[in-house]
């Protein structure tokens, strides 16, 4: 056991959407239930692009169809299919989250070596991340993207500084949920194709998770498929997960936001700005007081 915790990128693969039939969609303007069930999923265009025009998105006529498609992608490990149904802004934000994880691994690698705490798992994971980043890193990104990426590297270095010297970093950036998500999107501008980068990172991290043994008492993720309460208002919809079992009532619900353009529904948000920033702040707070002899951990 290397001692470091899984980075926040695994939170993306934990956003499992198992759409269950039987809970209908409701339009908040009419409160009229719409037909539910498992509609036929339309083919997804081959490949994925960093920006997808609305008319080129997969044709999903209802939010329910999108959720069913995402559940199918999860079962089939179809990460290109997943990224094809998220909006351009969300693709950049999620890619930025993955990019930040790569940067964190890079930053902590030197410290891990100095402490003699290197393990094969950490090294092989870092190599995989480097290959993917090198494949999609632009040669001449915009100045704004470069600055955001460098700020991301600085934050990772500060995190390492905390663990090494147990001191607070200098010049810590103060973020709001909105500004932090904007920062992630801007930093993702160093990538030539954010969607393909995201899909490959999801594929690799999913495989890494599959190699890890289940924790004692932890149920397999497929045990409790999600049910959704879907509220539709015009061209926007909010899907909120419902407890699938009695012991799930204490778990925090998941909220997915969807939008419609040219008659086609897609996911505009998989996770709220507040949840992302809260996870990052929580991780960095833990790093400020690491346990004795604990191996440094990549931060979000």
Protein backbone atom coordinates (compact mmCIF):
# COMPACT_ATOMS: atom_id res chain seq x y z
CA UNK A 1 0.00 0.00 0.00
CA UNK A 2 1.57 3.28 -1.10
CA UNK A 3 -0.38 5.29 1.48
CA UNK A 4 -1.69 7.94 -0.88
CA UNK A 5 -5.36 8.32 -1.57
CA UNK A 6 -7.01 8.04 -4.95
CA UNK A 7 -7.05 11.44 -6.64
CA UNK A 8 -10.27 13.31 -7.23
CA UNK A 9 -10.44 12.17 -10.85
CA UNK A 10 -11.96 8.92 -9.64
CA UNK A 11 -14.95 10.99 -8.59
CA UNK A 12 -15.84 11.25 -12.26
CA UNK A 13 -15.98 7.51 -12.74
CA UNK A 14 -18.08 7.32 -9.57
CA UNK A 15 -20.76 9.42 -11.26
CA UNK A 16 -22.54 6.26 -12.31
CA UNK A 17 -25.90 6.77 -13.96
CA UNK A 18 -28.06 3.66 -14.02
CA UNK A 19 -31.36 4.92 -15.36
CA UNK A 20 -34.25 2.83 -14.08
CA UNK A 21 -37.62 2.67 -15.76
CA UNK A 22 -40.80 3.51 -13.95
CA UNK A 23 -40.14 7.06 -12.74
CA UNK A 24 -41.51 9.44 -15.32
CA UNK A 25 -40.39 12.85 -16.46
CA UNK A 26 -42.44 15.82 -15.35
CA UNK A 27 -42.66 19.20 -16.97
CA UNK A 28 -42.72 21.74 -14.14
CA UNK A 29 -44.90 24.03 -16.23
CA UNK A 30 -47.61 21.45 -16.86
CA UNK A 31 -46.85 18.81 -14.18
CA UNK A 32 -47.97 16.28 -16.76
CA UNK A 33 -46.06 12.98 -16.57
CA UNK A 34 -44.40 12.01 -19.81
CA UNK A 35 -44.01 8.52 -21.13
CA UNK A 36 -41.19 6.66 -19.41
CA UNK A 37 -39.37 3.44 -20.10
CA UNK A 38 -36.29 2.45 -22.06
CA UNK A 39 -36.33 4.19 -25.45
CA UNK A 40 -34.20 2.93 -28.30
CA UNK A 41 -30.78 4.52 -28.15
CA UNK A 42 -29.67 6.19 -31.35
CA UNK A 43 -26.15 5.52 -32.71
CA UNK A 44 -23.41 7.81 -31.43
CA UNK A 45 -21.17 9.44 -34.04
CA UNK A 46 -17.77 7.76 -34.30
CA UNK A 47 -15.01 9.67 -32.56
CA UNK A 48 -15.43 12.71 -30.35
CA UNK A 49 -14.49 16.32 -30.88
CA UNK A 50 -13.62 19.10 -28.52
CA UNK A 51 -16.64 21.07 -29.75
CA UNK A 52 -19.76 19.44 -31.16
CA UNK A 53 -22.33 21.56 -33.02
CA UNK A 54 -25.85 21.06 -31.67
CA UNK A 55 -27.02 19.52 -34.93
CA UNK A 56 -24.26 16.89 -34.72
CA UNK A 57 -25.08 15.70 -31.21
CA UNK A 58 -26.68 12.27 -30.79
CA UNK A 59 -30.45 12.55 -31.16
CA UNK A 60 -32.08 12.19 -27.76
CA UNK A 61 -35.60 13.57 -27.67
CA UNK A 62 -36.01 13.41 -23.87
CA UNK A 63 -33.77 13.68 -20.79
CA UNK A 64 -34.72 10.08 -19.98
CA UNK A 65 -33.08 8.91 -23.20
CA UNK A 66 -29.86 10.71 -22.28
CA UNK A 67 -29.75 9.07 -18.84
CA UNK A 68 -30.45 5.66 -20.36
CA UNK A 69 -27.65 6.23 -22.85
CA UNK A 70 -25.19 7.19 -20.10
CA UNK A 71 -26.13 4.05 -18.15
CA UNK A 72 -25.48 2.00 -21.28
CA UNK A 73 -22.12 3.70 -21.77
CA UNK A 74 -21.19 2.86 -18.19
CA UNK A 75 -22.04 -0.81 -18.64
CA UNK A 76 -20.19 -1.05 -21.96
CA UNK A 77 -17.22 1.09 -20.89
CA UNK A 78 -18.02 3.41 -23.81
CA UNK A 79 -16.27 6.59 -22.72
CA UNK A 80 -16.37 8.19 -26.17
CA UNK A 81 -20.13 7.66 -26.10
CA UNK A 82 -20.32 9.39 -22.74
CA UNK A 83 -18.34 12.47 -23.77
CA UNK A 84 -20.45 12.82 -26.91
CA UNK A 85 -23.55 13.70 -24.86
CA UNK A 86 -22.05 16.32 -22.55
CA UNK A 87 -21.97 20.00 -23.46
CA UNK A 88 -18.82 21.77 -24.63
CA UNK A 89 -18.40 23.76 -21.40
CA UNK A 90 -18.84 20.63 -19.29
CA UNK A 91 -16.37 18.69 -21.43
CA UNK A 92 -13.79 21.40 -20.77
CA UNK A 93 -14.53 21.48 -17.04
CA UNK A 94 -14.27 17.71 -16.63
CA UNK A 95 -11.13 17.65 -18.77
CA UNK A 96 -9.73 20.38 -16.52
CA UNK A 97 -10.39 18.18 -13.48
CA UNK A 98 -8.50 15.33 -15.12
CA UNK A 99 -5.70 17.68 -16.15
CA UNK A 100 -5.36 18.86 -12.57
CA UNK A 101 -4.96 15.29 -11.39
CA UNK A 102 -2.14 14.69 -13.86
CA UNK A 103 -0.44 17.86 -12.62
CA UNK A 104 -0.82 16.72 -9.01
CA UNK A 105 0.77 13.36 -9.78
CA UNK A 106 3.64 15.15 -11.53
CA UNK A 107 4.17 17.48 -8.59
CA UNK A 108 4.18 14.83 -5.91
CA UNK A 109 6.35 12.35 -7.83
CA UNK A 110 9.60 14.11 -6.93
CA UNK A 111 8.70 14.24 -3.25
CA UNK A 112 7.73 10.57 -3.25
CA UNK A 113 11.13 9.68 -4.69
CA UNK A 114 12.94 11.79 -2.08
CA UNK A 115 11.12 9.98 0.70
CA UNK A 116 11.88 6.60 -0.82
CA UNK A 117 8.19 5.80 -0.94
CA UNK A 118 7.87 5.03 -4.65
CA UNK A 119 5.75 2.03 -5.56
CA UNK A 120 5.14 0.40 -8.91
CA UNK A 121 1.48 1.36 -8.98
CA UNK A 122 2.20 5.07 -8.58
CA UNK A 123 4.97 5.02 -11.18
CA UNK A 124 2.96 3.14 -13.79
CA UNK A 125 -0.07 5.38 -13.26
CA UNK A 126 2.03 8.51 -13.70
CA UNK A 127 3.53 7.12 -16.91
CA UNK A 128 0.07 6.45 -18.32
CA UNK A 129 -1.06 9.96 -17.48
CA UNK A 130 2.02 11.48 -19.07
CA UNK A 131 1.46 9.58 -22.32
CA UNK A 132 -2.12 10.81 -22.56
CA UNK A 133 -1.24 14.41 -21.72
CA UNK A 134 1.62 14.46 -24.23
CA UNK A 135 -0.72 13.12 -26.90
CA UNK A 136 -3.25 15.92 -26.51
CA UNK A 137 -1.18 18.86 -25.33
CA UNK A 138 -1.18 21.74 -27.81
CA UNK A 139 2.12 23.12 -29.04
CA UNK A 140 0.99 26.74 -28.91
CA UNK A 141 -1.96 27.13 -26.52
CA UNK A 142 -3.47 30.53 -25.87
CA UNK A 143 -1.81 32.80 -23.28
CA UNK A 144 -4.91 32.51 -21.09
CA UNK A 145 -4.81 28.70 -21.14
CA UNK A 146 -1.07 28.67 -20.48
CA UNK A 147 -1.47 31.01 -17.50
CA UNK A 148 -4.28 28.89 -16.02
CA UNK A 149 -2.24 25.72 -16.48
CA UNK A 150 0.78 27.31 -14.80
CA UNK A 151 -1.45 28.42 -11.93
CA UNK A 152 -2.64 24.83 -11.66
CA UNK A 153 0.97 23.65 -11.46
CA UNK A 154 1.66 26.24 -8.78
CA UNK A 155 -1.29 25.04 -6.71
CA UNK A 156 -0.02 21.47 -6.94
CA UNK A 157 3.45 22.60 -5.87
CA UNK A 158 1.89 24.44 -2.91
CA UNK A 159 0.10 21.26 -1.92
CA UNK A 160 3.39 19.36 -1.97
CA UNK A 161 4.97 22.18 0.06
CA UNK A 162 2.32 21.72 2.75
CA UNK A 163 3.07 18.03 3.08
CA UNK A 164 6.85 18.43 3.02
CA UNK A 165 7.24 21.34 5.44
CA UNK A 166 3.83 21.25 7.18
CA UNK A 167 3.48 24.96 6.50
CA UNK A 168 0.86 27.02 4.75
CA UNK A 169 1.66 27.94 1.15
CA UNK A 170 2.17 31.56 0.17
CA UNK A 171 -0.06 33.44 -2.25
CA UNK A 172 -2.91 30.93 -2.03
CA UNK A 173 -5.61 31.67 -4.61
CA UNK A 174 -9.05 32.30 -3.13
CA UNK A 175 -11.70 30.71 -5.30
CA UNK A 176 -15.45 30.93 -5.60
CA UNK A 177 -17.24 27.87 -7.02
CA UNK A 178 -17.85 29.68 -10.30
CA UNK A 179 -14.32 31.05 -10.67
CA UNK A 180 -12.79 27.66 -9.89
CA UNK A 181 -14.82 25.91 -12.59
CA UNK A 182 -13.91 28.71 -15.00
CA UNK A 183 -10.26 28.14 -14.09
CA UNK A 184 -10.60 24.43 -14.93
CA UNK A 185 -12.15 25.20 -18.31
CA UNK A 186 -9.49 27.76 -19.15
CA UNK A 187 -6.63 25.42 -18.20
CA UNK A 188 -8.14 22.71 -20.40
CA UNK A 189 -7.45 25.07 -23.29
CA UNK A 190 -3.90 23.68 -23.45
CA UNK A 191 -5.42 20.49 -24.89
CA UNK A 192 -5.93 19.95 -28.62
CA UNK A 193 -9.08 17.89 -27.97
CA UNK A 194 -10.57 18.03 -24.50
CA UNK A 195 -13.17 15.34 -25.24
CA UNK A 196 -10.67 12.74 -26.41
CA UNK A 197 -8.37 13.56 -23.50
CA UNK A 198 -11.29 13.15 -21.10
CA UNK A 199 -12.39 9.85 -22.68
CA UNK A 200 -8.89 8.37 -22.49
CA UNK A 201 -8.37 9.50 -18.91
CA UNK A 202 -11.71 7.99 -17.93
CA UNK A 203 -10.76 4.73 -19.63
CA UNK A 204 -7.43 4.54 -17.78
CA UNK A 205 -8.79 5.51 -14.37
CA UNK A 206 -11.67 3.09 -14.73
CA UNK A 207 -9.19 0.30 -15.45
CA UNK A 208 -7.12 1.31 -12.43
CA UNK A 209 -10.21 1.20 -10.23
CA UNK A 210 -11.06 -2.27 -11.53
CA UNK A 211 -7.66 -3.50 -10.36
CA UNK A 212 -8.30 -2.33 -6.81
CA UNK A 213 -9.97 -4.74 -4.35
CA UNK A 214 -13.34 -3.70 -2.95
CA UNK A 215 -13.19 -2.27 0.57
CA UNK A 216 -14.67 -4.41 3.33
CA UNK A 217 -18.40 -3.98 3.47
CA UNK A 218 -18.52 -1.93 0.28
CA UNK A 219 -21.15 -3.02 -2.21
CA UNK A 220 -20.28 -3.28 -5.89
CA UNK A 221 -21.32 -0.16 -7.75
CA UNK A 222 -23.71 -2.10 -9.96
CA UNK A 223 -25.73 -3.33 -6.98
CA UNK A 224 -27.97 -0.27 -6.68
CA UNK A 225 -29.01 1.22 -10.02
CA UNK A 226 -30.19 4.80 -9.75
CA UNK A 227 -33.74 5.99 -10.10
CA UNK A 228 -34.31 9.57 -11.12
CA UNK A 229 -36.78 12.34 -10.49
CA UNK A 230 -36.68 14.38 -13.69
CA UNK A 231 -38.11 17.90 -13.73
CA UNK A 232 -38.39 19.51 -17.16
CA UNK A 233 -38.95 23.22 -17.72
CA UNK A 234 -38.76 24.34 -21.31
CA UNK A 235 -35.33 23.57 -22.72
CA UNK A 236 -33.78 22.75 -19.35
CA UNK A 237 -34.13 19.78 -17.03
CA UNK A 238 -32.81 18.67 -13.65
CA UNK A 239 -32.50 14.97 -12.78
CA UNK A 240 -32.10 14.11 -9.10
CA UNK A 241 -31.21 10.61 -7.98
CA UNK A 242 -33.65 8.83 -5.67
CA UNK A 243 -32.77 6.18 -3.05
CA UNK A 244 -32.65 2.77 -4.72
CA UNK A 245 -32.77 0.96 -1.38
CA UNK A 246 -33.57 1.71 2.25
CA UNK A 247 -29.89 1.98 3.21
CA UNK A 248 -29.34 4.52 0.42
CA UNK A 249 -31.52 7.18 2.05
CA UNK A 250 -28.58 8.55 4.02
CA UNK A 251 -26.47 8.99 0.90
CA UNK A 252 -26.26 12.36 -0.79
CA UNK A 253 -28.33 12.57 -3.94
CA UNK A 254 -26.73 13.27 -7.30
CA UNK A 255 -28.01 16.07 -9.51
CA UNK A 256 -27.51 16.15 -13.27
CA UNK A 257 -28.50 19.15 -15.36
CA UNK A 258 -29.58 18.82 -18.98
CA UNK A 259 -30.36 21.22 -21.82
CA UNK A 260 -32.01 21.00 -25.21
CA UNK A 261 -30.70 22.54 -28.43
CA UNK A 262 -32.33 21.99 -31.81
CA UNK A 263 -34.54 19.32 -30.27
CA UNK A 264 -31.58 17.35 -28.90
CA UNK A 265 -31.02 16.88 -25.17
CA UNK A 266 -27.53 16.73 -23.68
CA UNK A 267 -25.89 16.94 -20.24
CA UNK A 268 -24.81 20.44 -19.26
CA UNK A 269 -23.55 19.55 -15.76
CA UNK A 270 -22.56 16.27 -14.10
CA UNK A 271 -21.49 17.84 -10.80
CA UNK A 272 -22.09 21.26 -9.29
CA UNK A 273 -19.42 23.96 -9.03
CA UNK A 274 -19.87 23.92 -5.25
CA UNK A 275 -19.24 20.17 -5.00
CA UNK A 276 -16.03 20.42 -7.01
CA UNK A 277 -14.59 23.23 -4.92
CA UNK A 278 -15.69 21.58 -1.68
CA UNK A 279 -13.90 18.36 -2.63
CA UNK A 280 -10.71 20.25 -3.46
CA UNK A 281 -10.76 22.28 -0.25
CA UNK A 282 -11.42 19.15 1.80
CA UNK A 283 -8.49 17.32 0.21
CA UNK A 284 -6.11 20.21 0.80
CA UNK A 285 -7.28 20.56 4.39
CA UNK A 286 -6.41 16.90 4.97
CA UNK A 287 -2.97 17.47 3.47
CA UNK A 288 -2.20 20.25 5.94
CA UNK A 289 -1.93 17.67 8.74
CA UNK A 290 -0.78 14.35 7.23
CA UNK A 291 -0.50 11.31 9.42
CA UNK A 292 2.99 10.30 10.61
CA UNK A 293 5.00 8.41 7.96
CA UNK A 294 2.19 8.91 5.47
CA UNK A 295 3.16 8.93 1.83
CA UNK A 296 2.29 12.25 0.14
CA UNK A 297 -0.93 12.18 -1.87
CA UNK A 298 -1.77 13.78 -5.19
CA UNK A 299 -4.30 16.52 -4.54
CA UNK A 300 -7.24 17.37 -6.80
